[in-house]
Amino acid sequence: MKHLSVFLLQALLIPFFAVCGIRPVNLTCEYLTDPAVVDVLPPRLSWVNEADSGERGQFQTAYQIRVASS
């Protein structure tokens, strides 16, 4: 019963925390928006955070980088 109540609590709270107040914009790698080749290790990555609907006081607490090849 305890495991079920913990699961239900998580299921109810996750949607509230999944809403993000900021999003990254102006993504660059080695100062380029869409580089064809990146030959520098480690590459310089940068972004600017933009708040949804003009909210103030939002800040970044963590980041996750996803790498893919095409």
N, C-alpha and C. Protein backbone atom coordinates (compact mmCIF):
# COMPACT_ATOMS: atom_id res chain seq x y z
N MET A 1 0.82 -1.19 0.00
CA MET A 1 0.00 0.00 0.00
C MET A 1 0.87 1.26 0.00
N LYS A 2 1.99 1.21 0.73
CA LYS A 2 2.87 2.36 0.79
C LYS A 2 3.46 2.66 -0.59
N HIS A 3 3.85 1.62 -1.32
CA HIS A 3 4.42 1.81 -2.66
C HIS A 3 3.38 2.40 -3.61
N LEU A 4 2.14 1.97 -3.47
CA LEU A 4 1.08 2.48 -4.33
C LEU A 4 0.83 3.96 -4.06
N SER A 5 0.83 4.36 -2.81
CA SER A 5 0.59 5.78 -2.49
C SER A 5 1.76 6.65 -2.95
N VAL A 6 2.99 6.15 -2.87
CA VAL A 6 4.14 6.90 -3.37
C VAL A 6 4.04 7.04 -4.88
N PHE A 7 3.66 5.97 -5.56
CA PHE A 7 3.50 6.02 -7.02
C PHE A 7 2.42 7.02 -7.42
N LEU A 8 1.29 7.00 -6.74
CA LEU A 8 0.20 7.92 -7.06
C LEU A 8 0.61 9.37 -6.80
N LEU A 9 1.34 9.60 -5.74
CA LEU A 9 1.82 10.95 -5.44
C LEU A 9 2.75 11.45 -6.54
N GLN A 10 3.66 10.59 -6.98
CA GLN A 10 4.57 10.95 -8.06
C GLN A 10 3.80 11.21 -9.35
N ALA A 11 2.83 10.36 -9.65
CA ALA A 11 2.05 10.51 -10.88
C ALA A 11 1.27 11.82 -10.88
N LEU A 12 0.86 12.28 -9.72
CA LEU A 12 0.11 13.53 -9.65
C LEU A 12 1.02 14.75 -9.69
N LEU A 13 2.22 14.66 -9.14
CA LEU A 13 3.11 15.81 -9.05
C LEU A 13 3.99 16.02 -10.27
N ILE A 14 4.30 14.98 -11.00
CA ILE A 14 5.22 15.11 -12.14
C ILE A 14 4.73 16.12 -13.17
N PRO A 15 3.45 16.14 -13.55
CA PRO A 15 3.03 17.15 -14.54
C PRO A 15 3.25 18.58 -14.08
N PHE A 16 3.19 18.86 -12.78
CA PHE A 16 3.41 20.21 -12.29
C PHE A 16 4.87 20.63 -12.45
N PHE A 17 5.79 19.71 -12.28
CA PHE A 17 7.21 20.03 -12.40
C PHE A 17 7.71 19.93 -13.83
N ALA A 18 6.96 19.28 -14.71
CA ALA A 18 7.37 19.12 -16.10
C ALA A 18 7.20 20.40 -16.90
N VAL A 19 6.38 21.31 -16.43
CA VAL A 19 6.17 22.58 -17.13
C VAL A 19 7.42 23.43 -16.96
N CYS A 20 7.99 23.83 -18.07
CA CYS A 20 9.24 24.59 -18.03
C CYS A 20 8.95 26.07 -18.21
N GLY A 21 9.53 26.90 -17.38
CA GLY A 21 9.33 28.34 -17.47
C GLY A 21 10.31 29.03 -18.39
N ILE A 22 11.40 28.34 -18.77
CA ILE A 22 12.38 28.94 -19.67
C ILE A 22 12.72 27.94 -20.76
N ARG A 23 13.23 28.46 -21.87
CA ARG A 23 13.66 27.59 -22.97
C ARG A 23 14.94 28.17 -23.57
N PRO A 24 15.82 27.30 -24.06
CA PRO A 24 17.06 27.80 -24.66
C PRO A 24 16.82 28.31 -26.08
N VAL A 25 17.44 29.43 -26.41
CA VAL A 25 17.39 30.00 -27.76
C VAL A 25 18.80 30.41 -28.15
N ASN A 26 19.01 30.71 -29.42
CA ASN A 26 20.32 31.12 -29.95
C ASN A 26 21.39 30.08 -29.62
N LEU A 27 21.12 28.82 -29.92
CA LEU A 27 22.08 27.74 -29.67
C LEU A 27 23.25 27.86 -30.63
N THR A 28 24.47 27.79 -30.10
CA THR A 28 25.66 27.84 -30.95
C THR A 28 26.68 26.81 -30.51
N CYS A 29 27.51 26.42 -31.46
CA CYS A 29 28.64 25.52 -31.22
C CYS A 29 29.84 26.13 -31.92
N GLU A 30 30.87 26.42 -31.19
CA GLU A 30 32.05 27.12 -31.73
C GLU A 30 31.64 28.42 -32.41
N TYR A 31 30.74 29.14 -31.79
CA TYR A 31 30.25 30.44 -32.25
C TYR A 31 29.49 30.37 -33.57
N LEU A 32 29.10 29.18 -34.02
CA LEU A 32 28.33 29.01 -35.25
C LEU A 32 26.95 28.45 -34.91
N THR A 33 25.94 28.92 -35.63
CA THR A 33 24.57 28.46 -35.37
C THR A 33 24.35 27.04 -35.84
N ASP A 34 24.85 26.70 -37.02
CA ASP A 34 24.65 25.36 -37.57
C ASP A 34 25.95 24.87 -38.21
N PRO A 35 26.95 24.48 -37.40
CA PRO A 35 28.24 24.09 -37.98
C PRO A 35 28.15 22.76 -38.73
N ALA A 36 28.84 22.69 -39.86
CA ALA A 36 28.87 21.45 -40.63
C ALA A 36 29.81 20.44 -39.98
N VAL A 37 30.93 20.93 -39.46
CA VAL A 37 31.93 20.06 -38.84
C VAL A 37 32.43 20.74 -37.57
N VAL A 38 32.60 19.94 -36.52
CA VAL A 38 33.17 20.44 -35.28
C VAL A 38 34.43 19.62 -35.02
N ASP A 39 35.59 20.28 -35.12
CA ASP A 39 36.86 19.55 -34.97
C ASP A 39 37.64 19.99 -33.74
N VAL A 40 36.99 20.64 -32.80
CA VAL A 40 37.63 21.11 -31.58
C VAL A 40 37.12 20.28 -30.41
N LEU A 41 38.04 19.81 -29.58
CA LEU A 41 37.65 19.05 -28.39
C LEU A 41 38.14 19.79 -27.16
N PRO A 42 37.34 20.10 -26.24
CA PRO A 42 35.88 20.05 -26.25
C PRO A 42 35.31 21.27 -26.98
N PRO A 43 34.20 21.12 -27.67
CA PRO A 43 33.62 22.27 -28.38
C PRO A 43 32.99 23.27 -27.41
N ARG A 44 33.02 24.54 -27.80
CA ARG A 44 32.38 25.60 -27.00
C ARG A 44 30.90 25.66 -27.37
N LEU A 45 30.06 25.41 -26.41
CA LEU A 45 28.61 25.45 -26.60
C LEU A 45 28.06 26.66 -25.86
N SER A 46 27.08 27.31 -26.44
CA SER A 46 26.44 28.43 -25.74
C SER A 46 24.98 28.53 -26.13
N TRP A 47 24.21 29.16 -25.25
CA TRP A 47 22.79 29.37 -25.47
C TRP A 47 22.33 30.52 -24.59
N VAL A 48 21.17 31.03 -24.90
CA VAL A 48 20.54 32.09 -24.12
C VAL A 48 19.20 31.56 -23.64
N ASN A 49 18.89 31.77 -22.38
CA ASN A 49 17.61 31.33 -21.83
C ASN A 49 16.57 32.43 -22.01
N GLU A 50 15.40 32.02 -22.49
CA GLU A 50 14.30 32.96 -22.70
C GLU A 50 13.12 32.49 -21.87
N ALA A 51 12.55 33.39 -21.10
CA ALA A 51 11.41 33.04 -20.24
C ALA A 51 10.13 32.99 -21.06
N ASP A 52 9.25 32.05 -20.71
CA ASP A 52 7.94 31.96 -21.34
C ASP A 52 7.08 33.14 -20.90
N SER A 53 6.39 33.72 -21.83
CA SER A 53 5.42 34.80 -21.60
C SER A 53 5.97 35.95 -20.76
N GLY A 54 7.26 36.26 -20.93
CA GLY A 54 7.84 37.42 -20.28
C GLY A 54 7.99 37.33 -18.77
N GLU A 55 7.98 36.13 -18.22
CA GLU A 55 8.14 35.98 -16.77
C GLU A 55 9.53 36.44 -16.36
N ARG A 56 9.63 37.02 -15.19
CA ARG A 56 10.92 37.47 -14.67
C ARG A 56 11.33 36.58 -13.50
N GLY A 57 12.61 36.55 -13.22
CA GLY A 57 13.11 35.80 -12.08
C GLY A 57 13.34 34.32 -12.36
N GLN A 58 13.24 33.89 -13.61
CA GLN A 58 13.50 32.50 -13.96
C GLN A 58 15.00 32.30 -14.11
N PHE A 59 15.50 31.14 -13.72
CA PHE A 59 16.92 30.87 -13.89
C PHE A 59 17.13 29.39 -14.16
N GLN A 60 18.27 29.08 -14.72
CA GLN A 60 18.64 27.72 -15.09
C GLN A 60 19.28 27.04 -13.89
N THR A 61 18.88 25.79 -13.63
CA THR A 61 19.47 25.04 -12.52
C THR A 61 20.29 23.86 -12.99
N ALA A 62 20.08 23.41 -14.23
CA ALA A 62 20.83 22.28 -14.76
C ALA A 62 20.74 22.31 -16.28
N TYR A 63 21.54 21.47 -16.92
CA TYR A 63 21.44 21.35 -18.37
C TYR A 63 21.75 19.93 -18.78
N GLN A 64 21.27 19.56 -19.96
CA GLN A 64 21.51 18.24 -20.53
C GLN A 64 21.85 18.45 -22.00
N ILE A 65 22.95 17.88 -22.45
CA ILE A 65 23.38 18.02 -23.84
C ILE A 65 23.14 16.70 -24.55
N ARG A 66 22.44 16.77 -25.67
CA ARG A 66 22.18 15.59 -26.49
C ARG A 66 22.99 15.71 -27.77
N VAL A 67 23.71 14.67 -28.11
CA VAL A 67 24.56 14.66 -29.29
C VAL A 67 24.03 13.62 -30.26
N ALA A 68 23.97 13.99 -31.53
CA ALA A 68 23.48 13.05 -32.55
C ALA A 68 24.28 13.24 -33.82
N SER A 69 24.29 12.23 -34.64
CA SER A 69 24.91 12.34 -35.96
C SER A 69 23.82 12.12 -37.00
N SER A 70 23.99 12.77 -38.14
CA SER A 70 22.95 12.63 -39.16
C SER A 70 23.40 11.75 -40.30
